[in-house]
Amino acid sequence: VTVWTPAAPDEPLPLLVAHDGPEYDRLAGLTGFLAALVAAGRL
């Protein structure tokens, strides 16, 4: 279990849980997608 987070653990944030998460991240750029949409104010 690895968690990508843009904040300290004590900051309350919504949570997404992904099966095959490391491959989703490496091959589909999942954390990059979240980081980009958060930066754009879309998430």
PDB file of all heavy atoms in Angstrom:
ATOM      1  N   VAL A   1       0.851  -1.194   0.000  1.00  0.00           N
ATOM      2  CA  VAL A   1       0.000   0.000   0.000  1.00  0.00           C
ATOM      3  C   VAL A   1       0.889   1.248   0.000  1.00  0.00           C
ATOM      4  O   VAL A   1       1.636   1.488   0.950  1.00  0.00           O
ATOM      5  CB  VAL A   1      -0.936   0.050   1.215  1.00  0.00           C
ATOM      6  CG1 VAL A   1      -1.800   1.318   1.160  1.00  0.00           C
ATOM      7  CG2 VAL A   1      -1.808  -1.196   1.292  1.00  0.00           C
ATOM      8  N   THR A   2       0.805   2.026  -1.072  1.00  0.00           N
ATOM      9  CA  THR A   2       1.498   3.305  -1.189  1.00  0.00           C
ATOM     10  C   THR A   2       0.456   4.392  -1.393  1.00  0.00           C
ATOM     11  O   THR A   2      -0.503   4.202  -2.144  1.00  0.00           O
ATOM     12  CB  THR A   2       2.486   3.291  -2.370  1.00  0.00           C
ATOM     13  OG1 THR A   2       3.447   2.257  -2.179  1.00  0.00           O
ATOM     14  CG2 THR A   2       3.210   4.632  -2.503  1.00  0.00           C
ATOM     15  N   VAL A   3       0.634   5.524  -0.730  1.00  0.00           N
ATOM     16  CA  VAL A   3      -0.313   6.624  -0.845  1.00  0.00           C
ATOM     17  C   VAL A   3       0.376   7.833  -1.455  1.00  0.00           C
ATOM     18  O   VAL A   3       1.455   8.241  -1.000  1.00  0.00           O
ATOM     19  CB  VAL A   3      -0.920   6.985   0.523  1.00  0.00           C
ATOM     20  CG1 VAL A   3      -1.765   8.265   0.424  1.00  0.00           C
ATOM     21  CG2 VAL A   3      -1.773   5.836   1.043  1.00  0.00           C
ATOM     22  N   TRP A   4      -0.262   8.391  -2.488  1.00  0.00           N
ATOM     23  CA  TRP A   4       0.184   9.677  -3.024  1.00  0.00           C
ATOM     24  C   TRP A   4      -0.641  10.757  -2.338  1.00  0.00           C
ATOM     25  O   TRP A   4      -1.885  10.670  -2.278  1.00  0.00           O
ATOM     26  CB  TRP A   4      -0.038   9.740  -4.528  1.00  0.00           C
ATOM     27  CG  TRP A   4       0.327  11.091  -5.117  1.00  0.00           C
ATOM     28  CD1 TRP A   4       1.566  11.504  -5.509  1.00  0.00           C
ATOM     29  CD2 TRP A   4      -0.561  12.192  -5.355  1.00  0.00           C
ATOM     30  NE1 TRP A   4       1.504  12.810  -5.976  1.00  0.00           N
ATOM     31  CE2 TRP A   4       0.213  13.249  -5.888  1.00  0.00           C
ATOM     32  CE3 TRP A   4      -1.922  12.387  -5.157  1.00  0.00           C
ATOM     33  CZ2 TRP A   4      -0.338  14.478  -6.235  1.00  0.00           C
ATOM     34  CZ3 TRP A   4      -2.484  13.616  -5.488  1.00  0.00           C
ATOM     35  CH2 TRP A   4      -1.700  14.647  -6.027  1.00  0.00           C
ATOM     36  N   THR A   5       0.034  11.768  -1.820  1.00  0.00           N
ATOM     37  CA  THR A   5      -0.666  12.826  -1.091  1.00  0.00           C
ATOM     38  C   THR A   5      -0.026  14.176  -1.371  1.00  0.00           C
ATOM     39  O   THR A   5       1.208  14.282  -1.395  1.00  0.00           O
ATOM     40  CB  THR A   5      -0.682  12.552   0.425  1.00  0.00           C
ATOM     41  OG1 THR A   5      -1.320  13.651   1.099  1.00  0.00           O
ATOM     42  CG2 THR A   5       0.716  12.353   0.985  1.00  0.00           C
ATOM     43  N   PRO A   6      -0.828  15.225  -1.573  1.00  0.00           N
ATOM     44  CA  PRO A   6      -0.288  16.572  -1.741  1.00  0.00           C
ATOM     45  C   PRO A   6      -0.251  17.350  -0.432  1.00  0.00           C
ATOM     46  O   PRO A   6       0.002  18.559  -0.447  1.00  0.00           O
ATOM     47  CB  PRO A   6      -1.298  17.209  -2.706  1.00  0.00           C
ATOM     48  CG  PRO A   6      -2.595  16.582  -2.308  1.00  0.00           C
ATOM     49  CD  PRO A   6      -2.278  15.169  -1.846  1.00  0.00           C
ATOM     50  N   ALA A   7      -0.518  16.678   0.691  1.00  0.00           N
ATOM     51  CA  ALA A   7      -0.629  17.382   1.971  1.00  0.00           C
ATOM     52  C   ALA A   7      -0.126  16.507   3.097  1.00  0.00           C
ATOM     53  O   ALA A   7       0.087  15.300   2.930  1.00  0.00           O
ATOM     54  CB  ALA A   7      -2.095  17.768   2.226  1.00  0.00           C
ATOM     55  N   ALA A   8       0.054  17.092   4.261  1.00  0.00           N
ATOM     56  CA  ALA A   8       0.448  16.345   5.453  1.00  0.00           C
ATOM     57  C   ALA A   8      -0.662  15.361   5.827  1.00  0.00           C
ATOM     58  O   ALA A   8      -1.844  15.605   5.542  1.00  0.00           O
ATOM     59  CB  ALA A   8       0.713  17.295   6.605  1.00  0.00           C
ATOM     60  N   PRO A   9      -0.316  14.228   6.467  1.00  0.00           N
ATOM     61  CA  PRO A   9      -1.319  13.215   6.792  1.00  0.00           C
ATOM     62  C   PRO A   9      -2.476  13.719   7.638  1.00  0.00           C
ATOM     63  O   PRO A   9      -3.575  13.163   7.574  1.00  0.00           O
ATOM     64  CB  PRO A   9      -0.506  12.153   7.539  1.00  0.00           C
ATOM     65  CG  PRO A   9       0.871  12.279   7.003  1.00  0.00           C
ATOM     66  CD  PRO A   9       1.050  13.759   6.780  1.00  0.00           C
ATOM     67  N   ASP A  10      -2.268  14.785   8.429  1.00  0.00           N
ATOM     68  CA  ASP A  10      -3.340  15.236   9.310  1.00  0.00           C
ATOM     69  C   ASP A  10      -4.305  16.222   8.644  1.00  0.00           C
ATOM     70  O   ASP A  10      -5.264  16.669   9.269  1.00  0.00           O
ATOM     71  CB  ASP A  10      -2.767  15.849  10.593  1.00  0.00           C
ATOM     72  CG  ASP A  10      -1.868  17.046  10.326  1.00  0.00           C
ATOM     73  OD1 ASP A  10      -1.582  17.341   9.139  1.00  0.00           O
ATOM     74  OD2 ASP A  10      -1.440  17.686  11.298  1.00  0.00           O
ATOM     75  N   GLU A  11      -4.070  16.553   7.383  1.00  0.00           N
ATOM     76  CA  GLU A  11      -5.023  17.414   6.668  1.00  0.00           C
ATOM     77  C   GLU A  11      -6.124  16.548   6.070  1.00  0.00           C
ATOM     78  O   GLU A  11      -5.848  15.663   5.260  1.00  0.00           O
ATOM     79  CB  GLU A  11      -4.331  18.202   5.557  1.00  0.00           C
ATOM     80  CG  GLU A  11      -5.309  19.105   4.798  1.00  0.00           C
ATOM     81  CD  GLU A  11      -4.640  19.897   3.688  1.00  0.00           C
ATOM     82  OE1 GLU A  11      -3.417  20.125   3.760  1.00  0.00           O
ATOM     83  OE2 GLU A  11      -5.353  20.293   2.738  1.00  0.00           O
ATOM     84  N   PRO A  12      -7.377  16.769   6.426  1.00  0.00           N
ATOM     85  CA  PRO A  12      -8.466  15.932   5.909  1.00  0.00           C
ATOM     86  C   PRO A  12      -8.653  16.131   4.402  1.00  0.00           C
ATOM     87  O   PRO A  12      -8.847  17.253   3.932  1.00  0.00           O
ATOM     88  CB  PRO A  12      -9.693  16.419   6.680  1.00  0.00           C
ATOM     89  CG  PRO A  12      -9.151  17.140   7.872  1.00  0.00           C
ATOM     90  CD  PRO A  12      -7.857  17.741   7.420  1.00  0.00           C
ATOM     91  N   LEU A  13      -8.566  15.031   3.661  1.00  0.00           N
ATOM     92  CA  LEU A  13      -8.743  15.067   2.209  1.00  0.00           C
ATOM     93  C   LEU A  13      -9.568  13.864   1.761  1.00  0.00           C
ATOM     94  O   LEU A  13      -9.553  12.805   2.405  1.00  0.00           O
ATOM     95  CB  LEU A  13      -7.393  15.036   1.485  1.00  0.00           C
ATOM     96  CG  LEU A  13      -6.440  16.211   1.660  1.00  0.00           C
ATOM     97  CD1 LEU A  13      -5.176  15.967   0.859  1.00  0.00           C
ATOM     98  CD2 LEU A  13      -7.099  17.514   1.248  1.00  0.00           C
ATOM     99  N   PRO A  14     -10.276  13.972   0.634  1.00  0.00           N
ATOM    100  CA  PRO A  14     -10.956  12.803   0.069  1.00  0.00           C
ATOM    101  C   PRO A  14      -9.937  11.750  -0.369  1.00  0.00           C
ATOM    102  O   PRO A  14      -8.770  12.069  -0.638  1.00  0.00           O
ATOM    103  CB  PRO A  14     -11.711  13.375  -1.132  1.00  0.00           C
ATOM    104  CG  PRO A  14     -11.693  14.849  -0.971  1.00  0.00           C
ATOM    105  CD  PRO A  14     -10.493  15.185  -0.157  1.00  0.00           C
ATOM    106  N   LEU A  15     -10.413  10.504  -0.452  1.00  0.00           N
ATOM    107  CA  LEU A  15      -9.522   9.377  -0.744  1.00  0.00           C
ATOM    108  C   LEU A  15     -10.053   8.540  -1.898  1.00  0.00           C
ATOM    109  O   LEU A  15     -11.231   8.164  -1.922  1.00  0.00           O
ATOM    110  CB  LEU A  15      -9.375   8.491   0.499  1.00  0.00           C
ATOM    111  CG  LEU A  15      -8.515   7.226   0.354  1.00  0.00           C
ATOM    112  CD1 LEU A  15      -7.052   7.581   0.075  1.00  0.00           C
ATOM    113  CD2 LEU A  15      -8.627   6.365   1.620  1.00  0.00           C
ATOM    114  N   LEU A  16      -9.165   8.250  -2.836  1.00  0.00           N
ATOM    115  CA  LEU A  16      -9.402   7.308  -3.933  1.00  0.00           C
ATOM    116  C   LEU A  16      -8.536   6.086  -3.684  1.00  0.00           C
ATOM    117  O   LEU A  16      -7.368   6.221  -3.323  1.00  0.00           O
ATOM    118  CB  LEU A  16      -9.036   7.971  -5.266  1.00  0.00           C
ATOM    119  CG  LEU A  16      -9.050   7.107  -6.534  1.00  0.00           C
ATOM    120  CD1 LEU A  16     -10.461   6.639  -6.866  1.00  0.00           C
ATOM    121  CD2 LEU A  16      -8.451   7.898  -7.708  1.00  0.00           C
ATOM    122  N   VAL A  17      -9.096   4.896  -3.852  1.00  0.00           N
ATOM    123  CA  VAL A  17      -8.360   3.645  -3.639  1.00  0.00           C
ATOM    124  C   VAL A  17      -8.329   2.879  -4.955  1.00  0.00           C
ATOM    125  O   VAL A  17      -9.386   2.610  -5.544  1.00  0.00           O
ATOM    126  CB  VAL A  17      -9.017   2.793  -2.544  1.00  0.00           C
ATOM    127  CG1 VAL A  17      -8.304   1.444  -2.406  1.00  0.00           C
ATOM    128  CG2 VAL A  17      -8.996   3.533  -1.212  1.00  0.00           C
ATOM    129  N   ALA A  18      -7.127   2.519  -5.440  1.00  0.00           N
ATOM    130  CA  ALA A  18      -6.971   1.906  -6.754  1.00  0.00           C
ATOM    131  C   ALA A  18      -6.347   0.524  -6.655  1.00  0.00           C
ATOM    132  O   ALA A  18      -5.228   0.370  -6.170  1.00  0.00           O
ATOM    133  CB  ALA A  18      -6.115   2.788  -7.651  1.00  0.00           C
ATOM    134  N   HIS A  19      -7.089  -0.490  -7.114  1.00  0.00           N
ATOM    135  CA  HIS A  19      -6.488  -1.799  -7.337  1.00  0.00           C
ATOM    136  C   HIS A  19      -5.446  -1.689  -8.459  1.00  0.00           C
ATOM    137  O   HIS A  19      -5.592  -0.869  -9.378  1.00  0.00           O
ATOM    138  CB  HIS A  19      -7.559  -2.810  -7.758  1.00  0.00           C
ATOM    139  CG  HIS A  19      -8.255  -3.444  -6.610  1.00  0.00           C
ATOM    140  ND1 HIS A  19      -9.554  -3.877  -6.663  1.00  0.00           N
ATOM    141  CD2 HIS A  19      -7.847  -3.746  -5.349  1.00  0.00           C
ATOM    142  CE1 HIS A  19      -9.912  -4.409  -5.510  1.00  0.00           C
ATOM    143  NE2 HIS A  19      -8.885  -4.333  -4.694  1.00  0.00           N
ATOM    144  N   ASP A  20      -4.414  -2.520  -8.408  1.00  0.00           N
ATOM    145  CA  ASP A  20      -3.303  -2.433  -9.370  1.00  0.00           C
ATOM    146  C   ASP A  20      -2.737  -1.017  -9.393  1.00  0.00           C
ATOM    147  O   ASP A  20      -2.296  -0.519 -10.430  1.00  0.00           O
ATOM    148  CB  ASP A  20      -3.753  -2.832 -10.785  1.00  0.00           C
ATOM    149  CG  ASP A  20      -4.114  -4.301 -10.898  1.00  0.00           C
ATOM    150  OD1 ASP A  20      -3.319  -5.153 -10.461  1.00  0.00           O
ATOM    151  OD2 ASP A  20      -5.210  -4.609 -11.406  1.00  0.00           O
ATOM    152  N   GLY A  21      -2.720  -0.361  -8.233  1.00  0.00           N
ATOM    153  CA  GLY A  21      -2.348   1.036  -8.166  1.00  0.00           C
ATOM    154  C   GLY A  21      -0.974   1.377  -8.713  1.00  0.00           C
ATOM    155  O   GLY A  21      -0.839   2.355  -9.465  1.00  0.00           O
ATOM    156  N   PRO A  22       0.077   0.620  -8.365  1.00  0.00           N
ATOM    157  CA  PRO A  22       1.395   0.965  -8.917  1.00  0.00           C
ATOM    158  C   PRO A  22       1.429   0.917 -10.440  1.00  0.00           C
ATOM    159  O   PRO A  22       2.054   1.774 -11.073  1.00  0.00           O
ATOM    160  CB  PRO A  22       2.309  -0.097  -8.291  1.00  0.00           C
ATOM    161  CG  PRO A  22       1.639  -0.447  -7.002  1.00  0.00           C
ATOM    162  CD  PRO A  22       0.167  -0.416  -7.315  1.00  0.00           C
ATOM    163  N   GLU A  23       0.748  -0.065 -11.055  1.00  0.00           N
ATOM    164  CA  GLU A  23       0.711  -0.121 -12.513  1.00  0.00           C
ATOM    165  C   GLU A  23      -0.165   0.996 -13.071  1.00  0.00           C
ATOM    166  O   GLU A  23       0.154   1.589 -14.108  1.00  0.00           O
ATOM    167  CB  GLU A  23       0.225  -1.489 -12.977  1.00  0.00           C
ATOM    168  CG  GLU A  23       1.264  -2.584 -12.798  1.00  0.00           C
ATOM    169  CD  GLU A  23       0.858  -3.886 -13.442  1.00  0.00           C
ATOM    170  OE1 GLU A  23      -0.357  -4.085 -13.683  1.00  0.00           O
ATOM    171  OE2 GLU A  23       1.748  -4.718 -13.712  1.00  0.00           O
ATOM    172  N   TYR A  24      -1.276   1.279 -12.424  1.00  0.00           N
ATOM    173  CA  TYR A  24      -2.106   2.411 -12.844  1.00  0.00           C
ATOM    174  C   TYR A  24      -1.280   3.697 -12.859  1.00  0.00           C
ATOM    175  O   TYR A  24      -1.448   4.550 -13.743  1.00  0.00           O
ATOM    176  CB  TYR A  24      -3.274   2.589 -11.868  1.00  0.00           C
ATOM    177  CG  TYR A  24      -4.641   2.293 -12.420  1.00  0.00           C
ATOM    178  CD1 TYR A  24      -5.543   1.512 -11.691  1.00  0.00           C
ATOM    179  CD2 TYR A  24      -5.070   2.809 -13.640  1.00  0.00           C
ATOM    180  CE1 TYR A  24      -6.826   1.243 -12.173  1.00  0.00           C
ATOM    181  CE2 TYR A  24      -6.345   2.555 -14.124  1.00  0.00           C
ATOM    182  CZ  TYR A  24      -7.219   1.773 -13.390  1.00  0.00           C
ATOM    183  OH  TYR A  24      -8.476   1.531 -13.870  1.00  0.00           O
ATOM    184  N   ASP A  25      -0.412   3.848 -11.880  1.00  0.00           N
ATOM    185  CA  ASP A  25       0.399   5.059 -11.804  1.00  0.00           C
ATOM    186  C   ASP A  25       1.513   5.041 -12.848  1.00  0.00           C
ATOM    187  O   ASP A  25       1.716   6.019 -13.571  1.00  0.00           O
ATOM    188  CB  ASP A  25       0.983   5.192 -10.397  1.00  0.00           C
ATOM    189  CG  ASP A  25       1.474   6.597 -10.102  1.00  0.00           C
ATOM    190  OD1 ASP A  25       0.974   7.550 -10.728  1.00  0.00           O
ATOM    191  OD2 ASP A  25       2.361   6.744  -9.240  1.00  0.00           O
ATOM    192  N   ARG A  26       2.209   3.926 -12.952  1.00  0.00           N
ATOM    193  CA  ARG A  26       3.359   3.850 -13.866  1.00  0.00           C
ATOM    194  C   ARG A  26       2.938   3.844 -15.328  1.00  0.00           C
ATOM    195  O   ARG A  26       3.582   4.471 -16.173  1.00  0.00           O
ATOM    196  CB  ARG A  26       4.162   2.577 -13.545  1.00  0.00           C
ATOM    197  CG  ARG A  26       5.365   2.346 -14.456  1.00  0.00           C
ATOM    198  CD  ARG A  26       6.220   1.207 -13.929  1.00  0.00           C
ATOM    199  NE  ARG A  26       5.497  -0.047 -13.845  1.00  0.00           N
ATOM    200  CZ  ARG A  26       5.406  -0.943 -14.839  1.00  0.00           C
ATOM    201  NH1 ARG A  26       5.989  -0.698 -16.010  1.00  0.00           N
ATOM    202  NH2 ARG A  26       4.752  -2.084 -14.673  1.00  0.00           N
ATOM    203  N   LEU A  27       1.845   3.152 -15.649  1.00  0.00           N
ATOM    204  CA  LEU A  27       1.463   2.950 -17.045  1.00  0.00           C
ATOM    205  C   LEU A  27       0.343   3.873 -17.505  1.00  0.00           C
ATOM    206  O   LEU A  27       0.147   4.052 -18.709  1.00  0.00           O
ATOM    207  CB  LEU A  27       1.042   1.489 -17.261  1.00  0.00           C
ATOM    208  CG  LEU A  27       2.097   0.437 -16.893  1.00  0.00           C
ATOM    209  CD1 LEU A  27       1.535  -0.960 -17.045  1.00  0.00           C
ATOM    210  CD2 LEU A  27       3.342   0.604 -17.747  1.00  0.00           C
ATOM    211  N   ALA A  28      -0.427   4.424 -16.570  1.00  0.00           N
ATOM    212  CA  ALA A  28      -1.532   5.306 -16.948  1.00  0.00           C
ATOM    213  C   ALA A  28      -1.422   6.686 -16.316  1.00  0.00           C
ATOM    214  O   ALA A  28      -2.291   7.537 -16.556  1.00  0.00           O
ATOM    215  CB  ALA A  28      -2.871   4.661 -16.571  1.00  0.00           C
ATOM    216  N   GLY A  29      -0.393   6.919 -15.503  1.00  0.00           N
ATOM    217  CA  GLY A  29      -0.174   8.254 -14.948  1.00  0.00           C
ATOM    218  C   GLY A  29      -1.257   8.716 -14.000  1.00  0.00           C
ATOM    219  O   GLY A  29      -1.610   9.901 -13.973  1.00  0.00           O
ATOM    220  N   LEU A  30      -1.774   7.816 -13.157  1.00  0.00           N
ATOM    221  CA  LEU A  30      -2.912   8.164 -12.306  1.00  0.00           C
ATOM    222  C   LEU A  30      -2.623   9.343 -11.386  1.00  0.00           C
ATOM    223  O   LEU A  30      -3.434  10.267 -11.280  1.00  0.00           O
ATOM    224  CB  LEU A  30      -3.346   6.940 -11.490  1.00  0.00           C
ATOM    225  CG  LEU A  30      -4.505   7.156 -10.519  1.00  0.00           C
ATOM    226  CD1 LEU A  30      -5.746   7.662 -11.248  1.00  0.00           C
ATOM    227  CD2 LEU A  30      -4.804   5.864  -9.754  1.00  0.00           C
ATOM    228  N   THR A  31      -1.485   9.324 -10.695  1.00  0.00           N
ATOM    229  CA  THR A  31      -1.219  10.433  -9.779  1.00  0.00           C
ATOM    230  C   THR A  31      -0.969  11.733 -10.543  1.00  0.00           C
ATOM    231  O   THR A  31      -1.316  12.817 -10.073  1.00  0.00           O
ATOM    232  CB  THR A  31      -0.031  10.134  -8.848  1.00  0.00           C
ATOM    233  OG1 THR A  31       1.159   9.942  -9.623  1.00  0.00           O
ATOM    234  CG2 THR A  31      -0.294   8.888  -8.020  1.00  0.00           C
ATOM    235  N   GLY A  32      -0.394  11.636 -11.737  1.00  0.00           N
ATOM    236  CA  GLY A  32      -0.218  12.828 -12.558  1.00  0.00           C
ATOM    237  C   GLY A  32      -1.557  13.421 -12.979  1.00  0.00           C
ATOM    238  O   GLY A  32      -1.719  14.648 -13.034  1.00  0.00           O
ATOM    239  N   PHE A  33      -2.512  12.559 -13.284  1.00  0.00           N
ATOM    240  CA  PHE A  33      -3.859  13.022 -13.619  1.00  0.00           C
ATOM    241  C   PHE A  33      -4.473  13.789 -12.448  1.00  0.00           C
ATOM    242  O   PHE A  33      -5.004  14.899 -12.622  1.00  0.00           O
ATOM    243  CB  PHE A  33      -4.728  11.823 -13.987  1.00  0.00           C
ATOM    244  CG  PHE A  33      -6.201  12.100 -13.991  1.00  0.00           C
ATOM    245  CD1 PHE A  33      -6.781  12.812 -15.027  1.00  0.00           C
ATOM    246  CD2 PHE A  33      -7.013  11.637 -12.964  1.00  0.00           C
ATOM    247  CE1 PHE A  33      -8.150  13.080 -15.038  1.00  0.00           C
ATOM    248  CE2 PHE A  33      -8.370  11.895 -12.961  1.00  0.00           C
ATOM    249  CZ  PHE A  33      -8.951  12.625 -14.001  1.00  0.00           C
ATOM    250  N   LEU A  34      -4.408  13.212 -11.260  1.00  0.00           N
ATOM    251  CA  LEU A  34      -4.971  13.892 -10.096  1.00  0.00           C
ATOM    252  C   LEU A  34      -4.250  15.210  -9.822  1.00  0.00           C
ATOM    253  O   LEU A  34      -4.883  16.234  -9.553  1.00  0.00           O
ATOM    254  CB  LEU A  34      -4.887  12.981  -8.871  1.00  0.00           C
ATOM    255  CG  LEU A  34      -5.695  11.682  -8.946  1.00  0.00           C
ATOM    256  CD1 LEU A  34      -5.386  10.806  -7.752  1.00  0.00           C
ATOM    257  CD2 LEU A  34      -7.189  11.956  -9.037  1.00  0.00           C
ATOM    258  N   ALA A  35      -2.916  15.192  -9.913  1.00  0.00           N
ATOM    259  CA  ALA A  35      -2.140  16.403  -9.647  1.00  0.00           C
ATOM    260  C   ALA A  35      -2.475  17.508 -10.643  1.00  0.00           C
ATOM    261  O   ALA A  35      -2.548  18.686 -10.284  1.00  0.00           O
ATOM    262  CB  ALA A  35      -0.651  16.091  -9.689  1.00  0.00           C
ATOM    263  N   ALA A  36      -2.699  17.141 -11.909  1.00  0.00           N
ATOM    264  CA  ALA A  36      -3.014  18.142 -12.924  1.00  0.00           C
ATOM    265  C   ALA A  36      -4.407  18.720 -12.728  1.00  0.00           C
ATOM    266  O   ALA A  36      -4.611  19.939 -12.852  1.00  0.00           O
ATOM    267  CB  ALA A  36      -2.889  17.525 -14.315  1.00  0.00           C
ATOM    268  N   LEU A  37      -5.377  17.868 -12.403  1.00  0.00           N
ATOM    269  CA  LEU A  37      -6.738  18.381 -12.255  1.00  0.00           C
ATOM    270  C   LEU A  37      -6.915  19.160 -10.951  1.00  0.00           C
ATOM    271  O   LEU A  37      -7.711  20.099 -10.891  1.00  0.00           O
ATOM    272  CB  LEU A  37      -7.760  17.250 -12.370  1.00  0.00           C
ATOM    273  CG  LEU A  37      -8.273  17.060 -13.819  1.00  0.00           C
ATOM    274  CD1 LEU A  37      -7.168  16.564 -14.737  1.00  0.00           C
ATOM    275  CD2 LEU A  37      -9.477  16.156 -13.878  1.00  0.00           C
ATOM    276  N   VAL A  38      -6.155  18.787  -9.926  1.00  0.00           N
ATOM    277  CA  VAL A  38      -6.175  19.598  -8.699  1.00  0.00           C
ATOM    278  C   VAL A  38      -5.572  20.971  -8.992  1.00  0.00           C
ATOM    279  O   VAL A  38      -6.115  22.004  -8.584  1.00  0.00           O
ATOM    280  CB  VAL A  38      -5.419  18.891  -7.562  1.00  0.00           C
ATOM    281  CG1 VAL A  38      -5.205  19.837  -6.383  1.00  0.00           C
ATOM    282  CG2 VAL A  38      -6.181  17.643  -7.109  1.00  0.00           C
ATOM    283  N   ALA A  39      -4.465  21.011  -9.720  1.00  0.00           N
ATOM    284  CA  ALA A  39      -3.825  22.282 -10.056  1.00  0.00           C
ATOM    285  C   ALA A  39      -4.749  23.170 -10.882  1.00  0.00           C
ATOM    286  O   ALA A  39      -4.735  24.403 -10.746  1.00  0.00           O
ATOM    287  CB  ALA A  39      -2.522  22.037 -10.811  1.00  0.00           C
ATOM    288  N   ALA A  40      -5.567  22.548 -11.738  1.00  0.00           N
ATOM    289  CA  ALA A  40      -6.486  23.309 -12.592  1.00  0.00           C
ATOM    290  C   ALA A  40      -7.773  23.703 -11.869  1.00  0.00           C
ATOM    291  O   ALA A  40      -8.617  24.391 -12.443  1.00  0.00           O
ATOM    292  CB  ALA A  40      -6.817  22.503 -13.832  1.00  0.00           C
ATOM    293  N   GLY A  41      -7.930  23.260 -10.616  1.00  0.00           N
ATOM    294  CA  GLY A  41      -9.147  23.556  -9.877  1.00  0.00           C
ATOM    295  C   GLY A  41     -10.332  22.710 -10.283  1.00  0.00           C
ATOM    296  O   GLY A  41     -11.469  22.995  -9.895  1.00  0.00           O
ATOM    297  N   ARG A  42     -10.086  21.630 -11.020  1.00  0.00           N
ATOM    298  CA  ARG A  42     -11.178  20.772 -11.475  1.00  0.00           C
ATOM    299  C   ARG A  42     -11.479  19.642 -10.502  1.00  0.00           C
ATOM    300  O   ARG A  42     -12.514  18.990 -10.610  1.00  0.00           O
ATOM    301  CB  ARG A  42     -10.856  20.197 -12.860  1.00  0.00           C
ATOM    302  CG  ARG A  42     -10.771  21.251 -13.958  1.00  0.00           C
ATOM    303  CD  ARG A  42     -10.486  20.621 -15.299  1.00  0.00           C
ATOM    304  NE  ARG A  42     -11.470  19.589 -15.611  1.00  0.00           N
ATOM    305  CZ  ARG A  42     -11.270  18.645 -16.544  1.00  0.00           C
ATOM    306  NH1 ARG A  42     -10.131  18.613 -17.224  1.00  0.00           N
ATOM    307  NH2 ARG A  42     -12.199  17.745 -16.772  1.00  0.00           N
ATOM    308  N   LEU A  43     -10.572  19.395  -9.575  1.00  0.00           N
ATOM    309  CA  LEU A  43     -10.798  18.431  -8.501  1.00  0.00           C
ATOM    310  C   LEU A  43     -10.340  19.045  -7.188  1.00  0.00           C
ATOM    311  O   LEU A  43      -9.392  19.841  -7.171  1.00  0.00           O
ATOM    312  CB  LEU A  43     -10.011  17.131  -8.741  1.00  0.00           C
ATOM    313  CG  LEU A  43     -10.535  16.145  -9.774  1.00  0.00           C
ATOM    314  CD1 LEU A  43      -9.582  14.954  -9.891  1.00  0.00           C
ATOM    315  CD2 LEU A  43     -11.941  15.668  -9.441  1.00  0.00           C
TER     316      LEU A  43
END
